[in-house]
């Protein structure tokens, strides 16, 4: 009897876990949101690289390495896999909190 209770709770937990997983579409949208946030937060680096690229044309690869490194370092801190998992967790909490709030009908 104890084995069947343990097995049933494991089945219930797996089912709950599947319902709480993010769909591919939701992950795509979350990555897009995170990318937009990163772009806003790294705007100065993006602008500096863009200006360097305009100034140096085809030599951008050689002349703008520092700007490129700085831009990529900034963007990667916001779009890394670790940052994405943290963002998903934060959004999950926000969505759950919003779902718990009673909706108002105007």
N, C-alpha and C. Protein backbone atom coordinates (compact mmCIF):
# COMPACT_ATOMS: atom_id res chain seq x y z
N UNK A 1 0.82 -1.20 0.00
CA UNK A 1 0.00 0.00 0.00
C UNK A 1 0.86 1.26 0.00
N UNK A 2 1.93 1.28 0.79
CA UNK A 2 2.79 2.45 0.88
C UNK A 2 3.46 2.71 -0.47
N UNK A 3 3.86 1.67 -1.17
CA UNK A 3 4.48 1.84 -2.48
C UNK A 3 3.52 2.49 -3.47
N UNK A 4 2.25 2.12 -3.43
CA UNK A 4 1.29 2.69 -4.37
C UNK A 4 1.04 4.16 -4.06
N UNK A 5 1.05 4.56 -2.78
CA UNK A 5 0.88 5.97 -2.43
C UNK A 5 2.06 6.78 -2.94
N UNK A 6 3.25 6.27 -2.74
CA UNK A 6 4.45 6.94 -3.22
C UNK A 6 4.42 7.09 -4.73
N UNK A 7 4.02 6.05 -5.42
CA UNK A 7 3.95 6.08 -6.87
C UNK A 7 2.91 7.09 -7.34
N UNK A 8 1.76 7.13 -6.69
CA UNK A 8 0.71 8.07 -7.09
C UNK A 8 1.16 9.52 -6.87
N UNK A 9 1.88 9.78 -5.78
CA UNK A 9 2.34 11.16 -5.55
C UNK A 9 3.37 11.55 -6.59
N UNK A 10 4.20 10.61 -7.01
CA UNK A 10 5.18 10.90 -8.05
C UNK A 10 4.49 11.19 -9.37
N UNK A 11 3.42 10.45 -9.66
CA UNK A 11 2.66 10.69 -10.88
C UNK A 11 2.01 12.06 -10.84
N UNK A 12 1.43 12.42 -9.71
CA UNK A 12 0.80 13.73 -9.58
C UNK A 12 1.82 14.84 -9.75
N UNK A 13 3.00 14.69 -9.12
CA UNK A 13 4.03 15.71 -9.23
C UNK A 13 4.50 15.89 -10.66
N UNK A 14 4.67 14.78 -11.39
CA UNK A 14 5.08 14.88 -12.78
C UNK A 14 4.03 15.60 -13.61
N UNK A 15 2.78 15.32 -13.36
CA UNK A 15 1.71 15.98 -14.09
C UNK A 15 1.68 17.47 -13.81
N UNK A 16 1.87 17.84 -12.57
CA UNK A 16 1.89 19.25 -12.19
C UNK A 16 3.08 19.94 -12.84
N UNK A 17 4.22 19.27 -12.84
CA UNK A 17 5.42 19.84 -13.44
C UNK A 17 5.22 20.10 -14.93
N UNK A 18 4.57 19.18 -15.62
CA UNK A 18 4.32 19.36 -17.05
C UNK A 18 3.43 20.57 -17.31
N UNK A 19 2.45 20.78 -16.45
CA UNK A 19 1.55 21.91 -16.64
C UNK A 19 2.26 23.24 -16.40
N UNK A 20 3.29 23.24 -15.55
CA UNK A 20 3.97 24.48 -15.20
C UNK A 20 5.16 24.79 -16.10
N UNK A 21 5.48 23.89 -17.02
CA UNK A 21 6.59 24.14 -17.92
C UNK A 21 6.21 25.22 -18.92
N UNK A 22 7.21 25.93 -19.39
CA UNK A 22 7.00 26.96 -20.40
C UNK A 22 6.91 26.31 -21.78
N UNK A 23 5.99 26.78 -22.58
CA UNK A 23 5.88 26.29 -23.94
C UNK A 23 7.01 26.90 -24.78
N UNK A 24 7.24 26.33 -25.93
CA UNK A 24 8.29 26.85 -26.82
C UNK A 24 7.98 28.29 -27.21
N UNK A 25 6.72 28.56 -27.47
CA UNK A 25 6.31 29.92 -27.86
C UNK A 25 6.55 30.90 -26.72
N UNK A 26 6.22 30.49 -25.48
CA UNK A 26 6.41 31.36 -24.33
C UNK A 26 7.90 31.63 -24.09
N UNK A 27 8.73 30.60 -24.27
CA UNK A 27 10.17 30.79 -24.13
C UNK A 27 10.70 31.73 -25.21
N UNK A 28 10.20 31.58 -26.41
CA UNK A 28 10.61 32.46 -27.51
C UNK A 28 10.26 33.91 -27.18
N UNK A 29 9.04 34.13 -26.70
CA UNK A 29 8.60 35.48 -26.34
C UNK A 29 9.42 36.04 -25.18
N UNK A 30 9.72 35.20 -24.20
CA UNK A 30 10.52 35.64 -23.05
C UNK A 30 11.93 36.02 -23.50
N UNK A 31 12.51 35.24 -24.39
CA UNK A 31 13.84 35.57 -24.91
C UNK A 31 13.80 36.89 -25.68
N UNK A 32 12.74 37.12 -26.41
CA UNK A 32 12.58 38.36 -27.15
C UNK A 32 12.49 39.55 -26.19
N UNK A 33 11.70 39.39 -25.11
CA UNK A 33 11.59 40.44 -24.09
C UNK A 33 12.95 40.71 -23.45
N UNK A 34 13.66 39.65 -23.11
CA UNK A 34 14.97 39.79 -22.48
C UNK A 34 15.96 40.46 -23.42
N UNK A 35 15.87 40.15 -24.68
CA UNK A 35 16.74 40.78 -25.68
C UNK A 35 16.46 42.27 -25.77
N UNK A 36 15.20 42.65 -25.72
CA UNK A 36 14.84 44.07 -25.75
C UNK A 36 15.36 44.79 -24.50
N UNK A 37 15.26 44.13 -23.35
CA UNK A 37 15.78 44.71 -22.11
C UNK A 37 17.28 44.90 -22.22
N UNK A 38 17.98 43.89 -22.73
CA UNK A 38 19.44 43.97 -22.89
C UNK A 38 19.81 45.10 -23.84
N UNK A 39 19.07 45.24 -24.91
CA UNK A 39 19.35 46.30 -25.88
C UNK A 39 19.19 47.68 -25.24
N UNK A 40 18.17 47.85 -24.42
CA UNK A 40 17.97 49.13 -23.74
C UNK A 40 19.08 49.41 -22.73
N UNK A 41 19.46 48.39 -21.97
CA UNK A 41 20.48 48.58 -20.93
C UNK A 41 21.88 48.75 -21.50
N UNK A 42 22.11 48.24 -22.69
CA UNK A 42 23.44 48.31 -23.31
C UNK A 42 23.47 49.33 -24.44
N UNK A 43 22.54 50.24 -24.44
CA UNK A 43 22.40 51.20 -25.53
C UNK A 43 23.67 52.00 -25.78
N UNK A 44 24.36 52.42 -24.72
CA UNK A 44 25.58 53.21 -24.91
C UNK A 44 26.65 52.42 -25.64
N UNK A 45 26.81 51.14 -25.30
CA UNK A 45 27.80 50.29 -25.97
C UNK A 45 27.41 50.03 -27.42
N UNK A 46 26.13 49.81 -27.65
CA UNK A 46 25.65 49.59 -29.01
C UNK A 46 25.89 50.82 -29.87
N UNK A 47 25.60 51.98 -29.30
CA UNK A 47 25.79 53.22 -30.03
C UNK A 47 27.28 53.47 -30.33
N UNK A 48 28.14 53.20 -29.35
CA UNK A 48 29.59 53.40 -29.56
C UNK A 48 30.11 52.49 -30.67
N UNK A 49 29.69 51.23 -30.67
CA UNK A 49 30.12 50.31 -31.72
C UNK A 49 29.57 50.76 -33.08
N UNK A 50 28.34 51.19 -33.10
CA UNK A 50 27.73 51.64 -34.35
C UNK A 50 28.47 52.84 -34.92
N UNK A 51 28.81 53.79 -34.08
CA UNK A 51 29.55 54.97 -34.54
C UNK A 51 30.93 54.58 -35.07
N UNK A 52 31.59 53.67 -34.36
CA UNK A 52 32.91 53.19 -34.79
C UNK A 52 32.78 52.49 -36.15
N UNK A 53 31.77 51.68 -36.31
CA UNK A 53 31.56 50.96 -37.57
C UNK A 53 31.31 51.93 -38.71
N UNK A 54 30.51 52.97 -38.46
CA UNK A 54 30.25 53.97 -39.51
C UNK A 54 31.53 54.70 -39.89
N UNK A 55 32.34 54.98 -38.90
CA UNK A 55 33.57 55.74 -39.14
C UNK A 55 34.61 54.93 -39.91
N UNK A 56 34.71 53.64 -39.62
CA UNK A 56 35.79 52.84 -40.19
C UNK A 56 35.37 51.91 -41.33
N UNK A 57 34.10 51.81 -41.62
CA UNK A 57 33.64 51.03 -42.77
C UNK A 57 34.10 49.58 -42.74
N UNK A 58 34.76 49.15 -43.80
CA UNK A 58 35.19 47.76 -43.92
C UNK A 58 36.27 47.38 -42.91
N UNK A 59 36.94 48.35 -42.33
CA UNK A 59 37.99 48.07 -41.34
C UNK A 59 37.40 47.87 -39.94
N UNK A 60 36.08 47.82 -39.85
CA UNK A 60 35.40 47.68 -38.56
C UNK A 60 35.91 46.49 -37.76
N UNK A 61 36.22 45.40 -38.43
CA UNK A 61 36.67 44.19 -37.75
C UNK A 61 37.96 44.45 -36.97
N UNK A 62 38.83 45.26 -37.53
CA UNK A 62 40.12 45.51 -36.90
C UNK A 62 40.10 46.73 -35.98
N UNK A 63 39.40 47.77 -36.40
CA UNK A 63 39.45 49.04 -35.68
C UNK A 63 38.47 49.14 -34.51
N UNK A 64 37.46 48.30 -34.49
CA UNK A 64 36.41 48.44 -33.47
C UNK A 64 36.34 47.23 -32.55
N UNK A 65 37.43 46.53 -32.40
CA UNK A 65 37.43 45.33 -31.55
C UNK A 65 37.06 45.64 -30.11
N UNK A 66 37.62 46.71 -29.58
CA UNK A 66 37.33 47.06 -28.19
C UNK A 66 35.84 47.34 -28.00
N UNK A 67 35.28 48.12 -28.90
CA UNK A 67 33.85 48.43 -28.83
C UNK A 67 33.00 47.16 -28.96
N UNK A 68 33.43 46.28 -29.87
CA UNK A 68 32.70 45.03 -30.07
C UNK A 68 32.75 44.16 -28.81
N UNK A 69 33.93 44.06 -28.20
CA UNK A 69 34.06 43.27 -26.96
C UNK A 69 33.19 43.84 -25.85
N UNK A 70 33.22 45.16 -25.69
CA UNK A 70 32.42 45.81 -24.64
C UNK A 70 30.93 45.59 -24.88
N UNK A 71 30.50 45.75 -26.12
CA UNK A 71 29.10 45.55 -26.48
C UNK A 71 28.67 44.11 -26.20
N UNK A 72 29.48 43.15 -26.64
CA UNK A 72 29.14 41.74 -26.44
C UNK A 72 29.14 41.37 -24.97
N UNK A 73 30.07 41.92 -24.19
CA UNK A 73 30.12 41.64 -22.75
C UNK A 73 28.85 42.15 -22.07
N UNK A 74 28.44 43.34 -22.45
CA UNK A 74 27.22 43.90 -21.86
C UNK A 74 26.00 43.07 -22.24
N UNK A 75 25.85 42.77 -23.52
CA UNK A 75 24.69 42.00 -23.97
C UNK A 75 24.66 40.60 -23.37
N UNK A 76 25.82 39.96 -23.28
CA UNK A 76 25.84 38.58 -22.79
C UNK A 76 25.49 38.48 -21.31
N UNK A 77 25.76 39.53 -20.53
CA UNK A 77 25.39 39.46 -19.12
C UNK A 77 23.87 39.47 -18.94
N UNK A 78 23.15 39.99 -19.91
CA UNK A 78 21.69 40.01 -19.82
C UNK A 78 21.04 38.87 -20.59
N UNK A 79 21.74 38.29 -21.55
CA UNK A 79 21.11 37.27 -22.40
C UNK A 79 21.73 35.89 -22.24
N UNK A 80 22.56 35.70 -21.24
CA UNK A 80 23.16 34.38 -21.01
C UNK A 80 22.08 33.39 -20.56
N UNK A 81 22.41 32.13 -20.57
CA UNK A 81 21.44 31.10 -20.17
C UNK A 81 21.04 31.28 -18.70
N UNK A 82 22.01 31.63 -17.87
CA UNK A 82 21.73 31.86 -16.44
C UNK A 82 20.78 33.05 -16.27
N UNK A 83 21.05 34.13 -16.99
CA UNK A 83 20.18 35.31 -16.91
C UNK A 83 18.78 34.97 -17.42
N UNK A 84 18.70 34.14 -18.46
CA UNK A 84 17.39 33.76 -18.99
C UNK A 84 16.60 32.94 -17.99
N UNK A 85 17.25 32.01 -17.32
CA UNK A 85 16.57 31.20 -16.31
C UNK A 85 16.08 32.07 -15.15
N UNK A 86 16.89 33.04 -14.73
CA UNK A 86 16.47 33.97 -13.68
C UNK A 86 15.28 34.81 -14.14
N UNK A 87 15.31 35.25 -15.39
CA UNK A 87 14.21 36.04 -15.94
C UNK A 87 12.93 35.22 -16.02
N UNK A 88 13.05 33.95 -16.45
CA UNK A 88 11.87 33.08 -16.50
C UNK A 88 11.28 32.89 -15.11
N UNK A 89 12.12 32.69 -14.11
CA UNK A 89 11.66 32.52 -12.75
C UNK A 89 10.93 33.77 -12.26
N UNK A 90 11.51 34.92 -12.54
CA UNK A 90 10.89 36.19 -12.15
C UNK A 90 9.54 36.36 -12.84
N UNK A 91 9.50 36.10 -14.14
CA UNK A 91 8.24 36.23 -14.90
C UNK A 91 7.21 35.22 -14.41
N UNK A 92 7.64 34.02 -14.05
CA UNK A 92 6.71 33.01 -13.53
C UNK A 92 6.04 33.51 -12.27
N UNK A 93 6.84 34.09 -11.39
CA UNK A 93 6.28 34.64 -10.14
C UNK A 93 5.32 35.78 -10.44
N UNK A 94 5.68 36.64 -11.38
CA UNK A 94 4.80 37.75 -11.76
C UNK A 94 3.49 37.24 -12.34
N UNK A 95 3.58 36.23 -13.21
CA UNK A 95 2.38 35.69 -13.83
C UNK A 95 1.49 34.99 -12.81
N UNK A 96 2.11 34.27 -11.88
CA UNK A 96 1.32 33.60 -10.83
C UNK A 96 0.65 34.62 -9.92
N UNK A 97 1.37 35.69 -9.60
CA UNK A 97 0.79 36.74 -8.76
C UNK A 97 -0.37 37.42 -9.48
N UNK A 98 -0.21 37.65 -10.78
CA UNK A 98 -1.29 38.27 -11.56
C UNK A 98 -2.49 37.35 -11.66
N UNK A 99 -2.25 36.04 -11.75
CA UNK A 99 -3.35 35.08 -11.83
C UNK A 99 -4.11 35.00 -10.52
N UNK A 100 -3.42 35.23 -9.41
CA UNK A 100 -4.06 35.19 -8.10
C UNK A 100 -4.91 36.42 -7.81
N UNK A 101 -4.64 37.52 -8.52
CA UNK A 101 -5.38 38.74 -8.33
C UNK A 101 -6.76 38.60 -8.97
N UNK A 102 -7.81 39.00 -8.26
CA UNK A 102 -9.14 38.94 -8.88
C UNK A 102 -9.22 39.98 -10.00
N UNK A 103 -9.77 39.57 -11.10
CA UNK A 103 -9.88 40.52 -12.22
C UNK A 103 -11.06 41.44 -12.01
N UNK A 104 -10.87 42.67 -12.43
CA UNK A 104 -11.94 43.68 -12.29
C UNK A 104 -12.64 43.85 -13.62
N UNK A 105 -13.92 43.89 -13.58
CA UNK A 105 -14.71 44.12 -14.79
C UNK A 105 -15.22 45.54 -14.71
N UNK A 106 -14.89 46.32 -15.71
CA UNK A 106 -15.32 47.73 -15.71
C UNK A 106 -16.61 47.89 -16.46
